[in-house]
Protein backbone atom coordinates (compact mmCIF):
# COMPACT_ATOMS: atom_id res chain seq x y z
CA UNK A 1 0.00 0.00 0.00
CA UNK A 2 2.81 2.45 0.83
CA UNK A 3 4.43 1.99 -2.55
CA UNK A 4 1.14 2.80 -4.30
CA UNK A 5 0.57 6.13 -2.59
CA UNK A 6 4.29 6.94 -2.25
CA UNK A 7 3.74 7.87 1.39
CA UNK A 8 7.38 7.26 2.23
CA UNK A 9 8.41 9.71 -0.51
CA UNK A 10 5.91 12.30 0.70
CA UNK A 11 7.21 12.06 4.28
CA UNK A 12 10.81 12.33 3.09
CA UNK A 13 9.95 15.44 1.05
CA UNK A 14 8.19 17.06 4.01
CA UNK A 15 11.18 16.41 6.25
CA UNK A 16 13.47 17.98 3.65
CA UNK A 17 11.16 21.01 3.41
CA UNK A 18 11.27 21.45 7.19
CA UNK A 19 15.07 21.30 7.11
CA UNK A 20 15.25 23.90 4.36
CA UNK A 21 12.83 26.20 6.20
CA UNK A 22 14.94 26.00 9.37
CA UNK A 23 18.04 26.90 7.35
CA UNK A 24 16.21 29.83 5.76
CA UNK A 25 15.11 31.05 9.17
CA UNK A 26 18.70 30.93 10.46
CA UNK A 27 19.95 32.80 7.40
CA UNK A 28 17.25 35.44 7.81
CA UNK A 29 18.26 35.96 11.44
CA UNK A 30 21.90 36.38 10.39
CA UNK A 31 20.89 38.82 7.67
CA UNK A 32 18.87 40.96 10.08
CA UNK A 33 21.69 41.00 12.63
CA UNK A 34 24.23 42.01 9.97
CA UNK A 35 21.97 44.88 8.86
CA UNK A 36 21.64 46.33 12.35
CA UNK A 37 18.41 44.67 13.36
CA UNK A 38 17.72 43.03 16.68
CA UNK A 39 16.38 39.60 17.54
CA UNK A 40 14.34 39.16 20.71
CA UNK A 41 13.79 35.70 22.21
CA UNK A 42 14.83 34.05 18.91
CA UNK A 43 11.21 34.52 17.81
CA UNK A 44 10.80 38.19 17.05
CA UNK A 45 12.89 39.72 14.30
CA UNK A 46 12.86 43.49 14.13
CA UNK A 47 14.68 46.59 13.03
CA UNK A 48 12.87 48.48 15.82
CA UNK A 49 13.76 48.72 19.48
CA UNK A 50 11.99 46.53 22.01
CA UNK A 51 10.37 49.61 23.53
CA UNK A 52 8.95 50.69 20.16
CA UNK A 53 7.46 47.24 19.61
CA UNK A 54 5.85 47.30 23.06
CA UNK A 55 4.47 50.81 22.41
CA UNK A 56 2.89 49.68 19.13
CA UNK A 57 1.45 46.60 20.82
CA UNK A 58 -0.24 48.77 23.46
CA UNK A 59 -1.65 51.06 20.76
CA UNK A 60 -2.99 48.05 18.88
CA UNK A 61 -4.59 46.63 22.04
CA UNK A 62 -6.21 49.98 22.80
CA UNK A 63 -7.58 50.37 19.27
CA UNK A 64 -8.96 46.82 19.15
CA UNK A 65 -10.94 47.38 22.36
CA UNK A 66 -12.75 50.38 20.85
PDB file of N, CA and C in Angstrom:
ATOM      1  N   UNK A   1       0.828  -1.205   0.000  1.00  0.00           N
ATOM      2  CA  UNK A   1       0.000   0.000   0.000  1.00  0.00           C
ATOM      3  C   UNK A   1       0.869   1.266   0.000  1.00  0.00           C
ATOM      4  N   UNK A   2       1.947   1.271   0.776  1.00  0.00           N
ATOM      5  CA  UNK A   2       2.806   2.453   0.826  1.00  0.00           C
ATOM      6  C   UNK A   2       3.416   2.769  -0.539  1.00  0.00           C
ATOM      7  N   UNK A   3       3.816   1.753  -1.249  1.00  0.00           N
ATOM      8  CA  UNK A   3       4.435   1.995  -2.546  1.00  0.00           C
ATOM      9  C   UNK A   3       3.442   2.624  -3.517  1.00  0.00           C
ATOM     10  N   UNK A   4       2.148   2.294  -3.381  1.00  0.00           N
ATOM     11  CA  UNK A   4       1.142   2.795  -4.301  1.00  0.00           C
ATOM     12  C   UNK A   4       0.940   4.305  -4.105  1.00  0.00           C
ATOM     13  N   UNK A   5       0.828   4.717  -2.886  1.00  0.00           N
ATOM     14  CA  UNK A   5       0.566   6.127  -2.594  1.00  0.00           C
ATOM     15  C   UNK A   5       1.860   6.933  -2.423  1.00  0.00           C
ATOM     16  N   UNK A   6       2.995   6.264  -2.426  1.00  0.00           N
ATOM     17  CA  UNK A   6       4.289   6.936  -2.253  1.00  0.00           C
ATOM     18  C   UNK A   6       4.366   7.716  -0.944  1.00  0.00           C
ATOM     19  N   UNK A   7       3.762   7.186   0.100  1.00  0.00           N
ATOM     20  CA  UNK A   7       3.740   7.873   1.394  1.00  0.00           C
ATOM     21  C   UNK A   7       5.152   8.080   1.915  1.00  0.00           C
ATOM     22  N   UNK A   8       6.017   7.107   1.748  1.00  0.00           N
ATOM     23  CA  UNK A   8       7.384   7.262   2.226  1.00  0.00           C
ATOM     24  C   UNK A   8       8.099   8.412   1.514  1.00  0.00           C
ATOM     25  N   UNK A   9       7.816   8.608   0.244  1.00  0.00           N
ATOM     26  CA  UNK A   9       8.414   9.710  -0.507  1.00  0.00           C
ATOM     27  C   UNK A   9       7.840  11.048  -0.030  1.00  0.00           C
ATOM     28  N   UNK A  10       6.555  11.085   0.221  1.00  0.00           N
ATOM     29  CA  UNK A  10       5.905  12.302   0.696  1.00  0.00           C
ATOM     30  C   UNK A  10       6.488  12.715   2.044  1.00  0.00           C
ATOM     31  N   UNK A  11       6.643  11.770   2.960  1.00  0.00           N
ATOM     32  CA  UNK A  11       7.209  12.056   4.281  1.00  0.00           C
ATOM     33  C   UNK A  11       8.644  12.556   4.148  1.00  0.00           C
ATOM     34  N   UNK A  12       9.419  11.917   3.300  1.00  0.00           N
ATOM     35  CA  UNK A  12      10.811  12.332   3.087  1.00  0.00           C
ATOM     36  C   UNK A  12      10.862  13.768   2.553  1.00  0.00           C
ATOM     37  N   UNK A  13       9.990  14.091   1.609  1.00  0.00           N
ATOM     38  CA  UNK A  13       9.946  15.444   1.050  1.00  0.00           C
ATOM     39  C   UNK A  13       9.560  16.471   2.101  1.00  0.00           C
ATOM     40  N   UNK A  14       8.602  16.138   2.952  1.00  0.00           N
ATOM     41  CA  UNK A  14       8.192  17.063   4.007  1.00  0.00           C
ATOM     42  C   UNK A  14       9.318  17.301   5.008  1.00  0.00           C
ATOM     43  N   UNK A  15      10.052  16.260   5.345  1.00  0.00           N
ATOM     44  CA  UNK A  15      11.181  16.412   6.253  1.00  0.00           C
ATOM     45  C   UNK A  15      12.255  17.298   5.630  1.00  0.00           C
ATOM     46  N   UNK A  16      12.494  17.143   4.351  1.00  0.00           N
ATOM     47  CA  UNK A  16      13.465  17.982   3.646  1.00  0.00           C
ATOM     48  C   UNK A  16      13.004  19.437   3.618  1.00  0.00           C
ATOM     49  N   UNK A  17      11.700  19.658   3.413  1.00  0.00           N
ATOM     50  CA  UNK A  17      11.160  21.013   3.413  1.00  0.00           C
ATOM     51  C   UNK A  17      11.338  21.671   4.772  1.00  0.00           C
ATOM     52  N   UNK A  18      11.094  20.911   5.842  1.00  0.00           N
ATOM     53  CA  UNK A  18      11.274  21.451   7.188  1.00  0.00           C
ATOM     54  C   UNK A  18      12.730  21.834   7.432  1.00  0.00           C
ATOM     55  N   UNK A  19      13.644  21.015   6.965  1.00  0.00           N
ATOM     56  CA  UNK A  19      15.070  21.298   7.115  1.00  0.00           C
ATOM     57  C   UNK A  19      15.443  22.581   6.380  1.00  0.00           C
ATOM     58  N   UNK A  20      14.963  22.712   5.169  1.00  0.00           N
ATOM     59  CA  UNK A  20      15.252  23.905   4.365  1.00  0.00           C
ATOM     60  C   UNK A  20      14.664  25.149   5.021  1.00  0.00           C
ATOM     61  N   UNK A  21      13.461  25.049   5.550  1.00  0.00           N
ATOM     62  CA  UNK A  21      12.830  26.201   6.202  1.00  0.00           C
ATOM     63  C   UNK A  21      13.606  26.627   7.449  1.00  0.00           C
ATOM     64  N   UNK A  22      14.121  25.661   8.202  1.00  0.00           N
ATOM     65  CA  UNK A  22      14.938  26.004   9.367  1.00  0.00           C
ATOM     66  C   UNK A  22      16.212  26.726   8.940  1.00  0.00           C
ATOM     67  N   UNK A  23      16.839  26.253   7.867  1.00  0.00           N
ATOM     68  CA  UNK A  23      18.041  26.899   7.352  1.00  0.00           C
ATOM     69  C   UNK A  23      17.734  28.317   6.880  1.00  0.00           C
ATOM     70  N   UNK A  24      16.602  28.504   6.209  1.00  0.00           N
ATOM     71  CA  UNK A  24      16.206  29.834   5.756  1.00  0.00           C
ATOM     72  C   UNK A  24      15.988  30.767   6.938  1.00  0.00           C
ATOM     73  N   UNK A  25      15.366  30.252   7.986  1.00  0.00           N
ATOM     74  CA  UNK A  25      15.115  31.053   9.173  1.00  0.00           C
ATOM     75  C   UNK A  25      16.429  31.492   9.813  1.00  0.00           C
ATOM     76  N   UNK A  26      17.391  30.583   9.906  1.00  0.00           N
ATOM     77  CA  UNK A  26      18.701  30.925  10.462  1.00  0.00           C
ATOM     78  C   UNK A  26      19.406  31.975   9.602  1.00  0.00           C
ATOM     79  N   UNK A  27      19.329  31.818   8.296  1.00  0.00           N
ATOM     80  CA  UNK A  27      19.950  32.800   7.403  1.00  0.00           C
ATOM     81  C   UNK A  27      19.278  34.169   7.513  1.00  0.00           C
ATOM     82  N   UNK A  28      17.965  34.181   7.656  1.00  0.00           N
ATOM     83  CA  UNK A  28      17.248  35.441   7.813  1.00  0.00           C
ATOM     84  C   UNK A  28      17.669  36.134   9.109  1.00  0.00           C
ATOM     85  N   UNK A  29      17.806  35.379  10.177  1.00  0.00           N
ATOM     86  CA  UNK A  29      18.263  35.962  11.444  1.00  0.00           C
ATOM     87  C   UNK A  29      19.658  36.563  11.287  1.00  0.00           C
ATOM     88  N   UNK A  30      20.551  35.863  10.611  1.00  0.00           N
ATOM     89  CA  UNK A  30      21.897  36.380  10.389  1.00  0.00           C
ATOM     90  C   UNK A  30      21.857  37.654   9.548  1.00  0.00           C
ATOM     91  N   UNK A  31      21.014  37.661   8.534  1.00  0.00           N
ATOM     92  CA  UNK A  31      20.886  38.823   7.666  1.00  0.00           C
ATOM     93  C   UNK A  31      20.404  40.035   8.451  1.00  0.00           C
ATOM     94  N   UNK A  32      19.407  39.844   9.293  1.00  0.00           N
ATOM     95  CA  UNK A  32      18.868  40.959  10.080  1.00  0.00           C
ATOM     96  C   UNK A  32      19.919  41.474  11.050  1.00  0.00           C
ATOM     97  N   UNK A  33      20.636  40.571  11.709  1.00  0.00           N
ATOM     98  CA  UNK A  33      21.692  41.002  12.633  1.00  0.00           C
ATOM     99  C   UNK A  33      22.772  41.796  11.903  1.00  0.00           C
ATOM    100  N   UNK A  34      23.183  41.331  10.735  1.00  0.00           N
ATOM    101  CA  UNK A  34      24.231  42.012   9.971  1.00  0.00           C
ATOM    102  C   UNK A  34      23.791  43.385   9.497  1.00  0.00           C
ATOM    103  N   UNK A  35      22.489  43.587   9.327  1.00  0.00           N
ATOM    104  CA  UNK A  35      21.970  44.876   8.864  1.00  0.00           C
ATOM    105  C   UNK A  35      21.497  45.763  10.000  1.00  0.00           C
ATOM    106  N   UNK A  36      21.927  45.452  11.218  1.00  0.00           N
ATOM    107  CA  UNK A  36      21.640  46.330  12.352  1.00  0.00           C
ATOM    108  C   UNK A  36      20.334  46.047  13.054  1.00  0.00           C
ATOM    109  N   UNK A  37      19.659  45.005  12.689  1.00  0.00           N
ATOM    110  CA  UNK A  37      18.414  44.666  13.363  1.00  0.00           C
ATOM    111  C   UNK A  37      18.669  43.927  14.655  1.00  0.00           C
ATOM    112  N   UNK A  38      17.617  43.721  15.411  1.00  0.00           N
ATOM    113  CA  UNK A  38      17.717  43.027  16.682  1.00  0.00           C
ATOM    114  C   UNK A  38      16.813  41.806  16.664  1.00  0.00           C
ATOM    115  N   UNK A  39      17.195  40.795  17.419  1.00  0.00           N
ATOM    116  CA  UNK A  39      16.383  39.595  17.544  1.00  0.00           C
ATOM    117  C   UNK A  39      16.054  39.426  19.018  1.00  0.00           C
ATOM    118  N   UNK A  40      14.788  39.332  19.330  1.00  0.00           N
ATOM    119  CA  UNK A  40      14.341  39.157  20.706  1.00  0.00           C
ATOM    120  C   UNK A  40      13.792  37.751  20.879  1.00  0.00           C
ATOM    121  N   UNK A  41      14.285  37.029  21.858  1.00  0.00           N
ATOM    122  CA  UNK A  41      13.794  35.696  22.215  1.00  0.00           C
ATOM    123  C   UNK A  41      13.852  34.700  21.056  1.00  0.00           C
ATOM    124  N   UNK A  42      14.701  34.923  20.084  1.00  0.00           N
ATOM    125  CA  UNK A  42      14.830  34.052  18.908  1.00  0.00           C
ATOM    126  C   UNK A  42      13.520  33.879  18.143  1.00  0.00           C
ATOM    127  N   UNK A  43      12.501  34.633  18.499  1.00  0.00           N
ATOM    128  CA  UNK A  43      11.214  34.522  17.813  1.00  0.00           C
ATOM    129  C   UNK A  43      10.889  35.787  17.031  1.00  0.00           C
ATOM    130  N   UNK A  44      11.210  36.921  17.616  1.00  0.00           N
ATOM    131  CA  UNK A  44      10.796  38.195  17.047  1.00  0.00           C
ATOM    132  C   UNK A  44      11.980  38.846  16.351  1.00  0.00           C
ATOM    133  N   UNK A  45      11.850  39.064  15.072  1.00  0.00           N
ATOM    134  CA  UNK A  45      12.890  39.723  14.300  1.00  0.00           C
ATOM    135  C   UNK A  45      12.439  41.142  14.024  1.00  0.00           C
ATOM    136  N   UNK A  46      13.309  42.121  14.292  1.00  0.00           N
ATOM    137  CA  UNK A  46      12.855  43.485  14.128  1.00  0.00           C
ATOM    138  C   UNK A  46      14.013  44.443  13.897  1.00  0.00           C
ATOM    139  N   UNK A  47      13.732  45.499  13.183  1.00  0.00           N
ATOM    140  CA  UNK A  47      14.677  46.586  13.035  1.00  0.00           C
ATOM    141  C   UNK A  47      14.360  47.675  14.063  1.00  0.00           C
ATOM    142  N   UNK A  48      13.297  47.497  14.839  1.00  0.00           N
ATOM    143  CA  UNK A  48      12.872  48.479  15.823  1.00  0.00           C
ATOM    144  C   UNK A  48      13.346  48.067  17.210  1.00  0.00           C
ATOM    145  N   UNK A  49      13.362  49.028  18.115  1.00  0.00           N
ATOM    146  CA  UNK A  49      13.755  48.722  19.482  1.00  0.00           C
ATOM    147  C   UNK A  49      12.627  47.957  20.178  1.00  0.00           C
ATOM    148  N   UNK A  50      12.988  47.290  21.245  1.00  0.00           N
ATOM    149  CA  UNK A  50      11.994  46.525  22.007  1.00  0.00           C
ATOM    150  C   UNK A  50      10.911  47.458  22.553  1.00  0.00           C
ATOM    151  N   UNK A  51      11.321  48.639  22.989  1.00  0.00           N
ATOM    152  CA  UNK A  51      10.366  49.613  23.535  1.00  0.00           C
ATOM    153  C   UNK A  51       9.365  50.061  22.472  1.00  0.00           C
ATOM    154  N   UNK A  52       9.837  50.268  21.251  1.00  0.00           N
ATOM    155  CA  UNK A  52       8.949  50.688  20.161  1.00  0.00           C
ATOM    156  C   UNK A  52       7.939  49.592  19.835  1.00  0.00           C
ATOM    157  N   UNK A  53       8.368  48.365  19.861  1.00  0.00           N
ATOM    158  CA  UNK A  53       7.460  47.242  19.614  1.00  0.00           C
ATOM    159  C   UNK A  53       6.402  47.172  20.700  1.00  0.00           C
ATOM    160  N   UNK A  54       6.812  47.333  21.954  1.00  0.00           N
ATOM    161  CA  UNK A  54       5.852  47.298  23.064  1.00  0.00           C
ATOM    162  C   UNK A  54       4.864  48.456  22.965  1.00  0.00           C
ATOM    163  N   UNK A  55       5.349  49.650  22.563  1.00  0.00           N
ATOM    164  CA  UNK A  55       4.467  50.807  22.414  1.00  0.00           C
ATOM    165  C   UNK A  55       3.417  50.539  21.340  1.00  0.00           C
ATOM    166  N   UNK A  56       3.843  49.979  20.213  1.00  0.00           N
ATOM    167  CA  UNK A  56       2.894  49.675  19.135  1.00  0.00           C
ATOM    168  C   UNK A  56       1.897  48.604  19.556  1.00  0.00           C
ATOM    169  N   UNK A  57       2.343  47.633  20.341  1.00  0.00           N
ATOM    170  CA  UNK A  57       1.445  46.600  20.824  1.00  0.00           C
ATOM    171  C   UNK A  57       0.370  47.183  21.710  1.00  0.00           C
ATOM    172  N   UNK A  58       0.745  48.118  22.577  1.00  0.00           N
ATOM    173  CA  UNK A  58      -0.240  48.772  23.457  1.00  0.00           C
ATOM    174  C   UNK A  58      -1.232  49.588  22.639  1.00  0.00           C
ATOM    175  N   UNK A  59      -0.745  50.293  21.623  1.00  0.00           N
ATOM    176  CA  UNK A  59      -1.654  51.055  20.764  1.00  0.00           C
ATOM    177  C   UNK A  59      -2.628  50.135  20.040  1.00  0.00           C
ATOM    178  N   UNK A  60      -2.128  49.006  19.568  1.00  0.00           N
ATOM    179  CA  UNK A  60      -2.990  48.048  18.882  1.00  0.00           C
ATOM    180  C   UNK A  60      -4.055  47.504  19.831  1.00  0.00           C
ATOM    181  N   UNK A  61      -3.642  47.153  21.058  1.00  0.00           N
ATOM    182  CA  UNK A  61      -4.591  46.634  22.037  1.00  0.00           C
ATOM    183  C   UNK A  61      -5.667  47.674  22.347  1.00  0.00           C
ATOM    184  N   UNK A  62      -5.256  48.918  22.497  1.00  0.00           N
ATOM    185  CA  UNK A  62      -6.207  49.985  22.801  1.00  0.00           C
ATOM    186  C   UNK A  62      -7.178  50.196  21.650  1.00  0.00           C
ATOM    187  N   UNK A  63      -6.699  50.142  20.422  1.00  0.00           N
ATOM    188  CA  UNK A  63      -7.577  50.365  19.270  1.00  0.00           C
ATOM    189  C   UNK A  63      -8.522  49.194  19.032  1.00  0.00           C
ATOM    190  N   UNK A  64      -8.096  47.992  19.386  1.00  0.00           N
ATOM    191  CA  UNK A  64      -8.961  46.823  19.149  1.00  0.00           C
ATOM    192  C   UNK A  64     -10.073  46.733  20.195  1.00  0.00           C
ATOM    193  N   UNK A  65      -9.899  47.386  21.332  1.00  0.00           N
ATOM    194  CA  UNK A  65     -10.939  47.382  22.364  1.00  0.00           C
ATOM    195  C   UNK A  65     -12.046  48.380  22.044  1.00  0.00           C
ATOM    196  N   UNK A  66     -11.756  49.349  21.192  1.00  0.00           N
ATOM    197  CA  UNK A  66     -12.748  50.384  20.849  1.00  0.00           C
ATOM    198  C   UNK A  66     -13.809  49.862  19.915  1.00  0.00           C
TER     199      UNK A  66
END
